[in-house]
Protein backbone atom coordinates (compact mmCIF):
# COMPACT_ATOMS: atom_id res chain seq x y z
CA MET A 1 -8.88 118.30 167.15
CA LYS A 2 -10.59 121.83 167.39
CA LYS A 3 -9.74 123.56 170.64
CA ARG A 4 -12.50 124.48 173.41
CA ILE A 5 -12.06 126.42 176.08
CA GLY A 6 -14.95 127.53 179.04
CA ILE A 7 -15.11 130.70 180.15
CA LEU A 8 -16.88 131.93 183.92
CA THR A 9 -17.52 135.04 186.10
CA SER A 10 -16.89 134.67 189.53
CA GLY A 11 -17.03 136.92 192.66
CA GLY A 12 -19.26 140.30 192.87
CA ASP A 13 -20.36 141.63 189.68
CA CYS A 14 -18.70 144.50 188.38
CA PRO A 15 -18.68 146.72 184.87
CA GLY A 16 -16.42 145.62 182.30
CA LEU A 17 -17.22 141.87 182.79
CA ASN A 18 -19.12 141.53 179.61
CA ALA A 19 -16.34 143.39 177.53
CA ALA A 20 -13.85 140.94 178.92
CA ILE A 21 -16.40 137.98 178.30
CA ARG A 22 -16.57 139.55 174.36
CA GLY A 23 -12.82 140.26 174.21
CA VAL A 24 -12.15 136.78 174.77
CA ALA A 25 -14.98 134.80 172.90
CA ARG A 26 -14.71 137.26 169.65
CA ALA A 27 -11.12 136.97 169.33
CA ALA A 28 -10.75 133.18 170.49
CA ARG A 29 -13.61 132.24 167.75
CA SER A 30 -12.63 134.96 165.06
CA TYR A 31 -9.33 134.72 164.75
CA PHE A 32 -7.66 132.01 166.89
CA GLY A 33 -10.68 129.24 165.48
CA ILE A 34 -11.35 128.49 169.07
CA ASP A 35 -14.89 127.64 169.64
CA CYS A 36 -15.77 129.18 173.36
CA ILE A 37 -18.84 128.36 175.67
CA GLY A 38 -19.86 129.65 178.96
CA PHE A 39 -20.61 128.19 182.68
CA ARG A 40 -23.56 129.75 184.11
CA ASP A 41 -23.41 131.46 187.74
CA GLY A 42 -19.76 131.05 188.22
CA PHE A 43 -17.46 127.66 189.80
CA ARG A 44 -21.74 126.52 190.34
CA GLY A 45 -22.40 126.07 186.78
CA LEU A 46 -18.69 124.34 186.35
CA VAL A 47 -19.68 122.01 189.03
CA GLN A 48 -23.33 121.41 187.81
CA ASP A 49 -22.31 121.55 184.06
CA ARG A 50 -24.51 124.39 183.73
CA THR A 51 -23.05 125.68 179.80
CA PHE A 52 -24.01 127.32 176.98
CA GLU A 53 -22.16 128.42 173.39
CA LEU A 54 -21.28 131.47 173.29
CA THR A 55 -21.71 132.14 169.74
CA PRO A 56 -21.75 135.54 167.72
CA ASP A 57 -25.80 136.33 168.20
CA VAL A 58 -24.77 135.94 172.16
CA LEU A 59 -22.44 138.35 172.15
CA SER A 60 -23.38 140.92 170.37
CA GLY A 61 -24.59 144.60 172.10
CA ILE A 62 -23.25 143.18 175.47
CA LEU A 63 -20.05 145.52 174.94
CA THR A 64 -21.80 148.59 176.94
CA ASP A 65 -23.76 146.40 179.04
CA GLY A 66 -22.93 146.05 182.96
CA GLY A 67 -22.72 142.74 184.89
CA THR A 68 -22.28 139.84 183.39
CA ILE A 69 -24.33 137.52 180.81
CA LEU A 70 -23.02 134.38 182.58
CA GLY A 71 -24.09 135.29 185.75
CA THR A 72 -21.67 134.82 188.62
CA SER A 73 -21.68 133.70 192.57
CA ARG A 74 -18.96 133.42 195.42
CA ASP A 75 -19.01 129.49 195.37
CA LYS A 76 -15.39 127.48 196.12
CA PRO A 77 -15.56 123.88 193.99
CA HIS A 78 -13.44 122.83 197.09
CA ARG A 79 -15.80 124.37 199.72
CA MET A 80 -19.12 124.06 197.86
CA PRO A 81 -22.50 124.10 199.73
CA ALA A 82 -24.42 120.72 198.62
CA ASP A 83 -26.86 118.39 200.53
CA TYR A 84 -27.40 120.62 203.28
CA ARG A 85 -23.51 120.51 203.85
CA VAL A 86 -20.29 122.07 202.94
CA ARG A 87 -18.43 119.42 200.06
CA ASP A 88 -15.59 119.16 198.21
CA MET A 89 -16.95 119.48 194.75
CA THR A 90 -12.97 119.84 192.84
CA ASP A 91 -13.69 116.14 191.25
CA ALA A 92 -17.24 117.44 189.66
CA ALA A 93 -15.71 120.43 188.69
CA VAL A 94 -12.82 118.25 186.61
CA ALA A 95 -15.26 115.95 185.42
CA THR A 96 -17.46 118.61 183.62
CA TYR A 97 -14.16 120.11 182.38
CA ARG A 98 -13.34 116.66 180.95
CA ARG A 99 -16.93 115.93 179.64
CA ARG A 100 -17.11 118.88 177.72
CA GLU A 101 -13.48 118.84 176.31
CA LEU A 102 -12.43 121.80 177.26
CA THR A 103 -8.73 122.98 176.36
CA ALA A 104 -8.83 125.27 178.97
CA LEU A 105 -10.99 127.50 181.28
CA VAL A 106 -11.10 131.07 181.37
CA CYS A 107 -11.67 132.37 185.07
CA ILE A 108 -12.54 136.44 185.41
CA GLY A 109 -12.85 137.61 188.60
CA GLY A 110 -10.60 139.00 191.94
CA GLY A 111 -8.81 137.55 194.68
CA GLY A 112 -10.66 134.47 195.83
CA THR A 113 -10.96 133.36 191.93
CA GLN A 114 -7.14 133.58 191.90
CA LYS A 115 -7.54 131.02 194.69
CA ASN A 116 -9.99 128.83 193.10
CA ALA A 117 -8.19 128.84 189.95
CA LEU A 118 -5.17 127.49 191.31
CA LYS A 119 -6.62 124.78 193.05
CA LEU A 120 -8.30 123.85 189.76
CA LYS A 121 -5.09 123.89 187.97
CA GLU A 122 -3.70 121.86 190.58
CA ALA A 123 -6.42 119.67 190.04
CA GLY A 124 -4.47 119.34 186.42
CA LEU A 125 -6.57 121.80 184.27
CA ASN A 126 -5.66 124.54 182.33
CA VAL A 127 -7.11 127.34 183.52
CA VAL A 128 -5.98 131.03 182.46
CA MET A 129 -7.41 134.21 184.61
CA LEU A 130 -8.23 137.85 184.03
CA PRO A 131 -8.36 139.86 187.27
CA LYS A 132 -11.54 142.36 187.81
CA THR A 133 -12.51 143.89 190.83
CA ILE A 134 -14.00 147.66 191.98
CA ASP A 135 -11.71 147.57 194.86
CA ASN A 136 -8.20 147.28 192.26
CA ASP A 137 -6.98 145.48 194.72
CA VAL A 138 -5.59 142.72 192.40
CA ALA A 139 -1.86 142.23 193.18
CA LEU A 140 0.99 142.35 190.54
CA THR A 141 -1.60 144.05 187.96
CA ASP A 142 -1.48 147.81 186.89
CA VAL A 143 -5.28 147.93 187.55
CA SER A 144 -8.58 145.68 187.50
CA PHE A 145 -11.41 146.28 184.87
CA GLY A 146 -14.28 147.64 186.85
CA PHE A 147 -12.28 150.30 189.31
CA ASP A 148 -12.72 153.14 186.80
CA THR A 149 -16.48 152.75 186.68
CA ALA A 150 -17.00 152.68 189.70
CA LEU A 151 -14.41 155.49 190.63
CA ASN A 152 -16.51 157.51 188.30
CA ILE A 153 -19.78 156.43 190.01
CA VAL A 154 -18.16 157.43 193.78
CA THR A 155 -16.79 161.00 192.21
CA GLU A 156 -20.05 161.44 190.89
CA ALA A 157 -22.02 161.11 194.20
CA VAL A 158 -18.81 163.37 196.26
CA ASP A 159 -19.76 166.06 193.71
CA ARG A 160 -23.26 165.66 194.45
CA LEU A 161 -23.47 165.20 198.32
CA HIS A 162 -21.41 168.52 198.14
CA SER A 163 -24.64 170.80 197.35
CA THR A 164 -26.59 169.33 199.99
CA ALA A 165 -23.80 169.31 202.46
CA MET A 166 -23.09 173.08 201.56
CA SER A 167 -27.11 173.81 201.72
CA HIS A 168 -27.77 172.51 204.91
CA GLN A 169 -24.33 173.43 206.28
CA ARG A 170 -23.79 169.47 207.52
CA VAL A 171 -20.90 167.48 207.83
CA ILE A 172 -21.63 164.17 205.18
CA VAL A 173 -19.57 160.91 205.64
CA VAL A 174 -19.82 158.60 202.64
CA GLU A 175 -19.15 155.33 203.12
CA VAL A 176 -17.34 153.70 199.66
CA MET A 177 -16.88 149.87 199.38
CA GLY A 178 -13.24 148.53 200.35
CA HIS A 179 -12.92 146.25 203.20
CA ARG A 180 -9.30 145.69 202.52
CA ALA A 181 -7.99 148.09 200.43
CA GLY A 182 -8.79 152.36 200.32
CA TRP A 183 -7.81 152.81 196.36
CA LEU A 184 -11.42 153.67 195.88
CA ALA A 185 -11.67 155.83 198.69
CA LEU A 186 -9.26 157.34 197.78
CA GLY A 187 -9.09 157.97 194.76
CA GLY A 188 -12.90 158.92 194.65
CA GLY A 189 -12.24 161.39 197.90
CA ILE A 190 -8.98 162.99 195.77
CA ALA A 191 -11.33 163.22 193.02
CA GLY A 192 -14.49 164.98 194.23
CA GLY A 193 -12.77 167.07 196.55
CA ALA A 194 -13.35 165.39 200.00
CA ASP A 195 -11.99 167.15 203.41
CA VAL A 196 -11.29 163.75 205.20
CA ILE A 197 -10.28 160.30 203.19
CA LEU A 198 -10.32 157.56 205.83
CA ILE A 199 -8.81 154.25 204.23
CA PRO A 200 -7.81 150.35 205.90
CA GLU A 201 -4.24 151.20 205.39
CA ILE A 202 -3.93 154.27 207.26
CA PRO A 203 -5.78 153.93 211.19
CA TYR A 204 -7.24 156.83 212.28
CA ASP A 205 -8.03 158.90 215.53
CA ALA A 206 -11.14 160.27 215.44
CA GLU A 207 -10.56 163.19 217.59
CA ILE A 208 -7.74 164.12 214.81
CA VAL A 209 -10.81 164.09 212.26
CA ALA A 210 -12.95 166.44 214.01
CA GLY A 211 -9.92 168.54 214.24
CA ALA A 212 -10.07 169.01 210.98
CA ILE A 213 -13.44 169.37 210.47
CA GLU A 214 -13.38 172.08 213.39
CA ARG A 215 -10.58 173.91 211.73
CA ARG A 216 -12.75 173.90 208.51
CA ALA A 217 -15.73 175.39 210.45
CA HIS A 218 -13.54 178.51 212.21
CA ALA A 219 -11.96 179.05 208.71
CA GLY A 220 -15.80 179.92 207.71
CA LYS A 221 -16.48 176.73 205.62
CA THR A 222 -19.97 175.99 206.45
CA PHE A 223 -19.40 172.16 205.25
CA SER A 224 -17.19 168.96 205.01
CA ILE A 225 -17.21 165.69 203.43
CA VAL A 226 -15.52 162.66 205.01
CA VAL A 227 -15.48 159.94 202.52
CA VAL A 228 -14.67 156.23 204.18
CA ALA A 229 -13.82 152.94 202.86
CA GLU A 230 -15.94 150.35 204.62
CA GLY A 231 -12.76 148.62 206.08
CA ALA A 232 -11.03 151.91 207.82
CA MET A 233 -10.53 150.88 211.14
CA SER A 234 -9.69 153.76 214.26
CA LYS A 235 -5.73 152.94 215.60
CA SER A 236 -7.54 151.03 218.83
CA GLN A 237 -9.32 148.56 216.51
CA ALA A 238 -5.90 148.23 214.18
CA ASN A 239 -4.20 147.28 217.08
CA ALA A 240 -6.94 144.68 218.18
CA VAL A 241 -6.78 143.32 214.79
CA ALA A 242 -3.03 143.15 214.77
CA LYS A 243 -3.27 140.99 218.39
CA LEU A 244 -5.78 139.12 216.85
CA VAL A 245 -3.82 138.29 213.93
CA ALA A 246 -0.92 137.59 216.01
CA ALA A 247 -2.87 134.96 217.98
CA LYS A 248 -3.88 132.80 215.30
CA GLY A 249 -0.47 132.90 213.52
CA ALA A 250 1.20 132.13 217.27
CA ALA A 251 -1.35 129.36 217.89
CA GLN A 252 0.08 126.08 217.53
CA LYS A 253 -2.84 123.58 218.21
CA LYS A 254 -5.79 122.85 215.71
CA ALA A 255 -8.17 123.98 218.29
CA ASP A 256 -6.35 127.35 219.03
CA LYS A 257 -6.14 128.32 215.49
CA LYS A 258 -10.22 127.70 214.86
CA THR A 259 -11.09 129.56 218.47
CA ALA A 260 -8.21 132.38 217.09
CA SER A 261 -10.33 132.78 213.34
CA VAL A 262 -13.23 132.62 215.40
CA ARG A 263 -12.43 135.70 217.21
CA LEU A 264 -11.15 137.71 214.21
CA ASP A 265 -14.46 136.68 212.33
CA ALA A 266 -16.70 137.98 215.06
CA PHE A 267 -14.50 141.28 215.10
CA HIS A 268 -14.85 141.88 211.48
CA ALA A 269 -18.88 141.09 211.87
CA GLU A 270 -18.71 143.56 214.58
CA HIS A 271 -17.08 146.00 212.52
CA VAL A 272 -19.38 146.11 209.64
CA ASN A 273 -21.51 148.87 211.75
CA HIS A 274 -18.09 151.43 212.33
CA THR A 275 -19.26 153.99 209.79
CA VAL A 276 -22.35 154.51 211.63
CA ASP A 277 -20.56 154.78 214.77
CA LEU A 278 -17.72 157.31 214.01
CA THR A 279 -20.74 159.41 212.13
CA HIS A 280 -22.43 159.52 215.84
CA ARG A 281 -18.88 160.10 217.23
CA LEU A 282 -18.04 162.92 214.86
CA GLU A 283 -20.93 164.83 215.42
CA GLU A 284 -20.71 164.35 219.43
CA LEU A 285 -17.12 165.77 219.02
CA THR A 286 -18.16 168.75 216.67
CA GLY A 287 -21.06 169.53 217.77
CA LEU A 288 -22.32 169.51 213.99
CA GLU A 289 -25.02 167.76 212.52
CA THR A 290 -23.57 165.11 210.69
CA ARG A 291 -25.24 162.50 208.17
CA LEU A 292 -24.18 159.27 206.66
CA THR A 293 -24.68 158.18 202.97
CA ILE A 294 -23.64 154.34 202.20
CA LEU A 295 -23.22 153.82 198.58
CA GLY A 296 -23.50 150.03 198.59
CA HIS A 297 -23.91 148.42 195.54
CA LEU A 298 -24.72 151.44 193.65
CA GLN A 299 -21.27 151.29 193.40
CA ARG A 300 -20.86 147.63 191.13
CA GLY A 301 -23.65 148.59 188.59
CA GLY A 302 -24.33 150.49 185.47
CA THR A 303 -22.79 150.99 182.37
CA PRO A 304 -19.11 150.05 182.14
CA SER A 305 -16.72 153.40 181.34
CA ALA A 306 -14.68 153.58 178.32
CA ALA A 307 -11.46 153.19 180.21
CA ASP A 308 -13.26 149.80 181.38
CA ARG A 309 -14.55 148.60 178.11
CA ILE A 310 -11.07 149.27 176.79
CA LEU A 311 -9.28 147.46 179.32
CA ALA A 312 -11.24 144.46 179.57
CA THR A 313 -11.21 144.19 175.71
CA ARG A 314 -7.41 144.89 175.43
CA LEU A 315 -6.77 142.04 178.44
CA GLY A 316 -9.72 139.85 177.34
CA THR A 317 -8.29 139.34 173.53
CA ALA A 318 -4.96 138.76 175.09
CA CYS A 319 -5.95 136.21 176.71
CA ALA A 320 -7.05 134.68 173.86
CA GLN A 321 -3.93 134.90 172.00
CA VAL A 322 -2.53 133.08 175.23
CA LEU A 323 -4.63 130.77 174.86
CA SER A 324 -3.69 130.10 171.50
CA GLN A 325 -0.19 129.46 172.22
CA GLN A 326 -1.11 127.11 175.00
CA THR A 327 -0.09 128.62 178.00
CA TYR A 328 -1.75 128.07 180.99
CA GLY A 329 -1.73 128.37 184.91
CA VAL A 330 -1.57 132.49 184.69
CA MET A 331 -3.02 135.32 185.25
CA VAL A 332 -3.25 138.17 182.33
CA ALA A 333 -2.34 141.29 183.98
CA ALA A 334 -2.22 144.65 182.96
CA ARG A 335 1.36 145.86 182.27
CA GLY A 336 1.71 149.61 180.80
CA ARG A 337 0.17 149.46 177.32
CA GLY A 338 0.60 145.64 176.67
CA TYR A 339 -0.10 142.69 179.20
CA GLU A 340 2.38 140.55 181.62
CA LEU A 341 1.51 136.74 182.51
CA ILE A 342 1.68 135.80 186.34
CA PRO A 343 1.96 132.71 187.64
CA LEU A 344 -1.31 131.75 189.61
CA ALA A 345 1.25 130.31 192.64
CA GLU A 346 2.88 133.96 192.78
CA VAL A 347 0.09 136.25 192.87
CA ALA A 348 -3.23 133.88 194.80
CA GLY A 349 -3.85 134.95 198.13
CA LYS A 350 -2.07 138.52 197.33
CA LYS A 351 -3.72 141.95 197.79
CA LYS A 352 -2.06 145.26 196.42
CA LEU A 353 -2.42 147.85 199.03
CA VAL A 354 -2.31 151.27 199.16
CA THR A 355 1.22 152.36 200.45
CA LEU A 356 1.86 155.45 202.79
CA ASP A 357 4.16 156.42 199.95
CA TYR A 358 1.70 156.04 196.72
CA PRO A 359 1.65 159.37 194.95
CA TRP A 360 -2.31 159.66 195.37
CA VAL A 361 -1.70 159.81 199.27
CA GLN A 362 1.13 162.19 199.09
CA ALA A 363 -1.52 164.40 196.24
CA ALA A 364 -4.22 164.15 199.14
CA ARG A 365 -2.10 165.36 201.81
CA HIS A 366 -0.51 167.96 200.11
CA VAL A 367 -3.83 169.52 199.31
CA GLY A 368 -4.84 169.36 202.75
CA VAL A 369 -7.13 166.58 202.93
CA CYS A 370 -6.89 164.86 207.05
CA LEU A 371 -5.99 161.58 206.54
CA GLY A 372 -7.07 160.54 210.14
CA ASP A 373 -3.51 160.25 211.23
CA GLU A 374 -2.24 163.32 211.97
């Protein structure tokens, strides 16, 4: 019986998704004789059995397109909104898989997708996952496609902001994406020549940041650029989170755990406007006109870079080869010039964070960038 696979994209969109879809489907069909269908809008399409054939005509011309021709969502099969309530729709996902007589399911996504894919594996499905995210925080892979393009966008934005900061003699704070990981802020800040870079992994002191800006002003520098990851926290905020996490871990009763989780969620919800508060605080401390620019979803859009097109194609075609060998329950990770298969159970729930000894951190310090901690 001829093999038949399904492909879906889940989580936030990013450049390179279409290149990955094309890589998997073209190699699967043309080289390994495997038919491919696509599920619309992530795991919701799998649950609702909304599909279309990934024919050569459908795949033609999508390599350079941003976004995903399949559509995406953040729905989880085991916690999906349905009938005005949250329901476990895993059985419906399994039923679609069986009805379509699939050999395997390819899930393209980040951390949340890993967890969902693992649950479907545990439900008996053959699953292979490809790592994508602009945050570059997928664990156990050298890099995730989408990151390089977003990094270029952040770098260009910082380049452009230099001219207006210099012209108006301002401090400009630039917020970039990255809830838990600071790869995008750190890389974009270094490449763009930022004077201050604040990332979630290194809690900052606003007075230290203000001191660095003031020293530039005293040295005759008329402007400063501060790149901030959206998840960056002050030292006091980081201590508060650590206490909430410890309380959540120490809670024994179910009700206590729920209360601790609610408090932690409330903190993160309140933290959303922290970059606005930081901008006001820096203006107050330095006496210099300070403005905030939030790049937001601009970082996700647009044509993928050459590096992302190549990476997505490389991992996509490797995925097709893995499927032809009937290897399942793994993530196809980028490793050097090749790839490595990582069991989903080993990667799901983990994040790749910036470490204090990472070369980018050391390089930033050596060229005089303030990271807010010293």
